[in-house]
Every structure is written in C-alpha cells, then in structure tokens.
Amino acid sequence: RKVTTRLLERNGMEVVTAKDGVDAIAKLQDLTPDIMLLDIEMPRMDGFEVATLVRHDERLSQLPIIMITSRTGEKHRERALSIGVNEYLGKPYQEAQLLEVIAELVAAGD
C-alpha cells in the first residue's frame, strides 16, 4: 500500500488509503474517487466483497476498479472479472503498466 501510494503521489495523484475492506467501504460513504485499487487479501472484508458492494451501490457502480493481487490464478481472475473488476494485475506489478491502466480507465470514465 505504501509503495503504491508513493508511486501515485509522485505522478500527481491524490491518494486516499484504507487499512482494510471495512475501512474502504466507510470512506466511500463520504467520497467518490476516480478509481479504486483493491487487493483480494485484506482483513475483515476481502477485495471480492468490497468490489461486489461497490458494483451494487448505485452511486459507485461505474467506479473503475483495478485489483492488484498475488493471487494470479485463473480462478481468482475470473471471479474478479465476473464481479465487474475492470483490470486484474498480479504482484509485483510493473509501475508503467499500472499508471497506463489508471490513465485509460480514468479517461474512459470522464
């Protein structure tokens, strides 16, 4: 989380982090980000659950979601994409690839 935050801030992005899925859902009550980066493995509520709640929230349903995870198996990828995750990246990700995907998804949402 810290490494990705630094990368995004160095590239001029405002970053809001959450310590886990429950914290993320709470923060989404007060703000609507341009994009959401999610890990599958989080305490209290995993990334699949967070993505599902976001997709079922009328206000957030179109929010682009990038899942970044060490779980690179096809089963996890298919589950994420079936929930509506826009992009699925394995760890460690390539910084240039992440920045490119963010730029594409944010531009598409404008």
N, C-alpha and C. Protein backbone atom coordinates (compact mmCIF):
# COMPACT_ATOMS: atom_id res chain seq x y z
N ARG A 1 0.83 -1.20 0.00
CA ARG A 1 0.00 0.00 0.00
C ARG A 1 0.87 1.25 0.00
N LYS A 2 1.90 1.26 0.83
CA LYS A 2 2.77 2.45 0.92
C LYS A 2 3.53 2.69 -0.38
N VAL A 3 4.05 1.62 -0.97
CA VAL A 3 4.81 1.74 -2.22
C VAL A 3 3.92 2.29 -3.32
N THR A 4 2.72 1.74 -3.44
CA THR A 4 1.78 2.19 -4.48
C THR A 4 1.34 3.62 -4.23
N THR A 5 1.10 3.98 -2.97
CA THR A 5 0.73 5.36 -2.64
C THR A 5 1.82 6.33 -3.09
N ARG A 6 3.06 6.00 -2.78
CA ARG A 6 4.18 6.88 -3.17
C ARG A 6 4.27 7.02 -4.68
N LEU A 7 4.11 5.89 -5.39
CA LEU A 7 4.15 5.92 -6.85
C LEU A 7 3.08 6.86 -7.41
N LEU A 8 1.86 6.71 -6.92
CA LEU A 8 0.74 7.52 -7.43
C LEU A 8 0.91 8.99 -7.07
N GLU A 9 1.35 9.27 -5.85
CA GLU A 9 1.55 10.67 -5.45
C GLU A 9 2.67 11.32 -6.25
N ARG A 10 3.73 10.56 -6.54
CA ARG A 10 4.82 11.09 -7.38
C ARG A 10 4.30 11.45 -8.76
N ASN A 11 3.23 10.79 -9.18
CA ASN A 11 2.66 11.04 -10.50
C ASN A 11 1.45 11.97 -10.43
N GLY A 12 1.38 12.76 -9.37
CA GLY A 12 0.39 13.84 -9.28
C GLY A 12 -1.01 13.43 -8.87
N MET A 13 -1.16 12.24 -8.31
CA MET A 13 -2.49 11.79 -7.92
C MET A 13 -2.72 12.00 -6.43
N GLU A 14 -3.94 12.32 -6.09
CA GLU A 14 -4.33 12.41 -4.69
C GLU A 14 -4.78 11.02 -4.27
N VAL A 15 -4.21 10.52 -3.19
CA VAL A 15 -4.45 9.14 -2.77
C VAL A 15 -5.13 9.10 -1.40
N VAL A 16 -6.17 8.31 -1.29
CA VAL A 16 -6.82 8.03 -0.01
C VAL A 16 -6.67 6.54 0.21
N THR A 17 -6.11 6.14 1.35
CA THR A 17 -5.92 4.71 1.61
C THR A 17 -6.86 4.23 2.71
N ALA A 18 -7.11 2.95 2.69
CA ALA A 18 -7.93 2.30 3.72
C ALA A 18 -7.13 1.12 4.26
N LYS A 19 -7.27 0.86 5.55
CA LYS A 19 -6.47 -0.22 6.15
C LYS A 19 -7.05 -1.60 5.84
N ASP A 20 -8.32 -1.66 5.49
CA ASP A 20 -8.95 -2.93 5.13
C ASP A 20 -10.25 -2.64 4.38
N GLY A 21 -10.97 -3.72 4.05
CA GLY A 21 -12.19 -3.56 3.26
C GLY A 21 -13.29 -2.79 3.96
N VAL A 22 -13.45 -3.02 5.26
CA VAL A 22 -14.49 -2.32 6.02
C VAL A 22 -14.18 -0.82 6.04
N ASP A 23 -12.91 -0.48 6.25
CA ASP A 23 -12.47 0.92 6.25
C ASP A 23 -12.72 1.55 4.87
N ALA A 24 -12.44 0.78 3.81
CA ALA A 24 -12.66 1.29 2.44
C ALA A 24 -14.12 1.63 2.21
N ILE A 25 -15.01 0.72 2.60
CA ILE A 25 -16.45 0.96 2.40
C ILE A 25 -16.90 2.18 3.21
N ALA A 26 -16.37 2.34 4.42
CA ALA A 26 -16.71 3.51 5.24
C ALA A 26 -16.26 4.80 4.56
N LYS A 27 -15.05 4.80 4.01
CA LYS A 27 -14.53 6.00 3.35
C LYS A 27 -15.32 6.32 2.09
N LEU A 28 -15.83 5.30 1.42
CA LEU A 28 -16.61 5.52 0.19
C LEU A 28 -17.97 6.16 0.47
N GLN A 29 -18.38 6.18 1.73
CA GLN A 29 -19.64 6.86 2.08
C GLN A 29 -19.48 8.37 1.89
N ASP A 30 -18.25 8.86 2.07
CA ASP A 30 -18.01 10.31 2.05
C ASP A 30 -17.32 10.81 0.80
N LEU A 31 -16.79 9.92 -0.02
CA LEU A 31 -16.10 10.40 -1.22
C LEU A 31 -16.34 9.46 -2.38
N THR A 32 -16.19 10.00 -3.57
CA THR A 32 -16.31 9.21 -4.79
C THR A 32 -15.00 9.38 -5.56
N PRO A 33 -14.11 8.41 -5.45
CA PRO A 33 -12.82 8.53 -6.15
C PRO A 33 -12.96 8.34 -7.65
N ASP A 34 -11.91 8.71 -8.39
CA ASP A 34 -11.89 8.50 -9.84
C ASP A 34 -11.63 7.03 -10.17
N ILE A 35 -10.94 6.34 -9.25
CA ILE A 35 -10.57 4.94 -9.47
C ILE A 35 -10.30 4.29 -8.13
N MET A 36 -10.43 2.97 -8.08
CA MET A 36 -10.16 2.23 -6.84
C MET A 36 -9.19 1.11 -7.14
N LEU A 37 -8.14 1.01 -6.31
CA LEU A 37 -7.20 -0.10 -6.39
C LEU A 37 -7.48 -1.01 -5.21
N LEU A 38 -7.61 -2.29 -5.46
CA LEU A 38 -8.01 -3.25 -4.43
C LEU A 38 -7.09 -4.46 -4.43
N ASP A 39 -6.84 -5.00 -3.25
CA ASP A 39 -6.18 -6.29 -3.12
C ASP A 39 -7.27 -7.30 -2.76
N ILE A 40 -7.06 -8.56 -3.08
CA ILE A 40 -8.03 -9.57 -2.66
C ILE A 40 -7.91 -9.81 -1.17
N GLU A 41 -6.66 -9.98 -0.72
CA GLU A 41 -6.42 -10.38 0.66
C GLU A 41 -6.35 -9.17 1.59
N MET A 42 -7.42 -8.96 2.33
CA MET A 42 -7.50 -7.89 3.32
C MET A 42 -8.24 -8.43 4.54
N PRO A 43 -7.91 -7.90 5.72
CA PRO A 43 -8.65 -8.35 6.91
C PRO A 43 -10.10 -7.84 6.90
N ARG A 44 -10.94 -8.52 7.62
CA ARG A 44 -12.35 -8.17 7.87
C ARG A 44 -13.26 -8.26 6.65
N MET A 45 -12.81 -7.81 5.49
CA MET A 45 -13.63 -7.90 4.27
C MET A 45 -12.66 -7.97 3.09
N ASP A 46 -12.73 -9.03 2.31
CA ASP A 46 -11.76 -9.16 1.22
C ASP A 46 -12.13 -8.32 0.00
N GLY A 47 -11.23 -8.28 -0.96
CA GLY A 47 -11.42 -7.46 -2.15
C GLY A 47 -12.62 -7.86 -2.98
N PHE A 48 -12.94 -9.15 -3.00
CA PHE A 48 -14.13 -9.59 -3.74
C PHE A 48 -15.39 -8.99 -3.12
N GLU A 49 -15.45 -9.00 -1.79
CA GLU A 49 -16.62 -8.45 -1.10
C GLU A 49 -16.74 -6.95 -1.32
N VAL A 50 -15.60 -6.24 -1.23
CA VAL A 50 -15.61 -4.79 -1.46
C VAL A 50 -16.08 -4.48 -2.88
N ALA A 51 -15.50 -5.18 -3.86
CA ALA A 51 -15.87 -4.95 -5.26
C ALA A 51 -17.36 -5.22 -5.49
N THR A 52 -17.88 -6.26 -4.87
CA THR A 52 -19.30 -6.60 -5.01
C THR A 52 -20.18 -5.48 -4.44
N LEU A 53 -19.82 -4.98 -3.25
CA LEU A 53 -20.60 -3.89 -2.64
C LEU A 53 -20.55 -2.63 -3.51
N VAL A 54 -19.37 -2.32 -4.06
CA VAL A 54 -19.24 -1.14 -4.92
C VAL A 54 -20.11 -1.29 -6.17
N ARG A 55 -20.08 -2.47 -6.79
CA ARG A 55 -20.86 -2.69 -8.01
C ARG A 55 -22.37 -2.64 -7.75
N HIS A 56 -22.80 -2.93 -6.53
CA HIS A 56 -24.22 -2.90 -6.20
C HIS A 56 -24.68 -1.57 -5.61
N ASP A 57 -23.75 -0.62 -5.50
CA ASP A 57 -24.08 0.72 -4.99
C ASP A 57 -24.35 1.62 -6.19
N GLU A 58 -25.56 2.14 -6.27
CA GLU A 58 -25.95 2.94 -7.43
C GLU A 58 -24.97 4.09 -7.71
N ARG A 59 -24.52 4.75 -6.65
CA ARG A 59 -23.63 5.90 -6.80
C ARG A 59 -22.24 5.49 -7.28
N LEU A 60 -21.79 4.29 -6.93
CA LEU A 60 -20.42 3.86 -7.22
C LEU A 60 -20.32 2.79 -8.30
N SER A 61 -21.44 2.37 -8.85
CA SER A 61 -21.44 1.19 -9.73
C SER A 61 -20.53 1.32 -10.95
N GLN A 62 -20.27 2.55 -11.38
CA GLN A 62 -19.40 2.75 -12.55
C GLN A 62 -17.95 3.06 -12.18
N LEU A 63 -17.63 3.04 -10.89
CA LEU A 63 -16.28 3.32 -10.42
C LEU A 63 -15.31 2.28 -10.98
N PRO A 64 -14.27 2.73 -11.70
CA PRO A 64 -13.29 1.75 -12.21
C PRO A 64 -12.54 1.10 -11.06
N ILE A 65 -12.38 -0.21 -11.12
CA ILE A 65 -11.67 -0.96 -10.08
C ILE A 65 -10.52 -1.75 -10.71
N ILE A 66 -9.33 -1.56 -10.14
CA ILE A 66 -8.17 -2.36 -10.52
C ILE A 66 -7.84 -3.25 -9.33
N MET A 67 -7.81 -4.55 -9.55
CA MET A 67 -7.42 -5.46 -8.48
C MET A 67 -5.95 -5.80 -8.68
N ILE A 68 -5.15 -5.59 -7.64
CA ILE A 68 -3.72 -5.89 -7.66
C ILE A 68 -3.49 -6.95 -6.59
N THR A 69 -3.06 -8.14 -7.00
CA THR A 69 -3.01 -9.24 -6.05
C THR A 69 -1.90 -10.24 -6.37
N SER A 70 -1.48 -10.94 -5.35
CA SER A 70 -0.50 -12.02 -5.55
C SER A 70 -1.21 -13.28 -6.05
N ARG A 71 -2.53 -13.29 -6.00
CA ARG A 71 -3.29 -14.45 -6.47
C ARG A 71 -3.52 -14.34 -7.98
N THR A 72 -2.60 -14.92 -8.72
CA THR A 72 -2.62 -14.74 -10.17
C THR A 72 -3.31 -15.90 -10.91
N GLY A 73 -3.90 -16.82 -10.14
CA GLY A 73 -4.57 -17.96 -10.77
C GLY A 73 -5.81 -17.54 -11.56
N GLU A 74 -6.13 -18.34 -12.54
CA GLU A 74 -7.27 -18.03 -13.42
C GLU A 74 -8.59 -17.99 -12.66
N LYS A 75 -8.74 -18.84 -11.64
CA LYS A 75 -9.98 -18.89 -10.85
C LYS A 75 -10.25 -17.53 -10.19
N HIS A 76 -9.22 -16.93 -9.58
CA HIS A 76 -9.39 -15.64 -8.92
C HIS A 76 -9.64 -14.53 -9.94
N ARG A 77 -8.91 -14.57 -11.06
CA ARG A 77 -9.09 -13.57 -12.12
C ARG A 77 -10.53 -13.62 -12.64
N GLU A 78 -11.01 -14.82 -12.93
CA GLU A 78 -12.38 -14.96 -13.47
C GLU A 78 -13.42 -14.47 -12.47
N ARG A 79 -13.21 -14.78 -11.18
CA ARG A 79 -14.16 -14.32 -10.17
C ARG A 79 -14.19 -12.80 -10.11
N ALA A 80 -12.99 -12.19 -10.12
CA ALA A 80 -12.91 -10.72 -10.06
C ALA A 80 -13.60 -10.09 -11.27
N LEU A 81 -13.31 -10.62 -12.45
CA LEU A 81 -13.90 -10.05 -13.67
C LEU A 81 -15.41 -10.27 -13.70
N SER A 82 -15.88 -11.38 -13.16
CA SER A 82 -17.33 -11.64 -13.15
C SER A 82 -18.05 -10.67 -12.21
N ILE A 83 -17.36 -10.22 -11.16
CA ILE A 83 -17.93 -9.22 -10.25
C ILE A 83 -18.01 -7.86 -10.93
N GLY A 84 -17.09 -7.61 -11.86
CA GLY A 84 -17.09 -6.33 -12.56
C GLY A 84 -15.81 -5.53 -12.38
N VAL A 85 -14.75 -6.19 -11.88
CA VAL A 85 -13.45 -5.53 -11.78
C VAL A 85 -12.97 -5.22 -13.20
N ASN A 86 -12.46 -4.00 -13.41
CA ASN A 86 -12.06 -3.58 -14.76
C ASN A 86 -10.72 -4.16 -15.20
N GLU A 87 -9.80 -4.30 -14.26
CA GLU A 87 -8.45 -4.77 -14.61
C GLU A 87 -7.92 -5.60 -13.45
N TYR A 88 -7.15 -6.63 -13.78
CA TYR A 88 -6.63 -7.55 -12.78
C TYR A 88 -5.13 -7.67 -12.99
N LEU A 89 -4.34 -7.16 -12.04
CA LEU A 89 -2.88 -7.18 -12.17
C LEU A 89 -2.27 -8.04 -11.07
N GLY A 90 -1.26 -8.83 -11.46
CA GLY A 90 -0.55 -9.64 -10.48
C GLY A 90 0.55 -8.82 -9.81
N LYS A 91 0.91 -9.26 -8.59
CA LYS A 91 2.05 -8.64 -7.89
C LYS A 91 3.28 -9.49 -8.18
N PRO A 92 4.43 -8.90 -8.34
CA PRO A 92 4.63 -7.45 -8.38
C PRO A 92 4.20 -6.90 -9.73
N TYR A 93 3.56 -5.75 -9.72
CA TYR A 93 3.10 -5.15 -10.97
C TYR A 93 4.20 -4.25 -11.54
N GLN A 94 4.09 -3.99 -12.83
CA GLN A 94 5.01 -3.05 -13.47
C GLN A 94 4.44 -1.65 -13.27
N GLU A 95 5.24 -0.74 -12.74
CA GLU A 95 4.75 0.61 -12.45
C GLU A 95 4.17 1.28 -13.68
N ALA A 96 4.87 1.18 -14.81
CA ALA A 96 4.40 1.82 -16.04
C ALA A 96 3.05 1.25 -16.46
N GLN A 97 2.88 -0.06 -16.31
CA GLN A 97 1.62 -0.69 -16.69
C GLN A 97 0.49 -0.20 -15.80
N LEU A 98 0.73 -0.11 -14.49
CA LEU A 98 -0.31 0.37 -13.58
C LEU A 98 -0.71 1.80 -13.93
N LEU A 99 0.26 2.67 -14.15
CA LEU A 99 -0.04 4.07 -14.48
C LEU A 99 -0.82 4.17 -15.79
N GLU A 100 -0.47 3.33 -16.75
CA GLU A 100 -1.16 3.33 -18.05
C GLU A 100 -2.61 2.88 -17.89
N VAL A 101 -2.83 1.82 -17.12
CA VAL A 101 -4.19 1.31 -16.90
C VAL A 101 -5.03 2.35 -16.15
N ILE A 102 -4.44 2.99 -15.14
CA ILE A 102 -5.16 4.04 -14.41
C ILE A 102 -5.56 5.15 -15.36
N ALA A 103 -4.62 5.62 -16.18
CA ALA A 103 -4.90 6.71 -17.12
C ALA A 103 -6.04 6.32 -18.07
N GLU A 104 -6.00 5.10 -18.59
CA GLU A 104 -7.03 4.65 -19.53
C GLU A 104 -8.40 4.59 -18.87
N LEU A 105 -8.47 4.00 -17.67
CA LEU A 105 -9.76 3.83 -17.00
C LEU A 105 -10.35 5.17 -16.54
N VAL A 106 -9.49 6.06 -16.05
CA VAL A 106 -9.98 7.37 -15.60
C VAL A 106 -10.46 8.18 -16.80
N ALA A 107 -9.72 8.12 -17.90
CA ALA A 107 -10.12 8.85 -19.12
C ALA A 107 -11.44 8.31 -19.65
N ALA A 108 -11.63 7.00 -19.60
CA ALA A 108 -12.85 6.38 -20.10
C ALA A 108 -14.06 6.79 -19.25
N GLY A 109 -13.81 7.08 -17.98
CA GLY A 109 -14.90 7.46 -17.08
C GLY A 109 -15.30 8.91 -17.18
N ASP A 110 -14.46 9.73 -17.83
CA ASP A 110 -14.78 11.17 -17.94
C ASP A 110 -15.90 11.43 -18.91
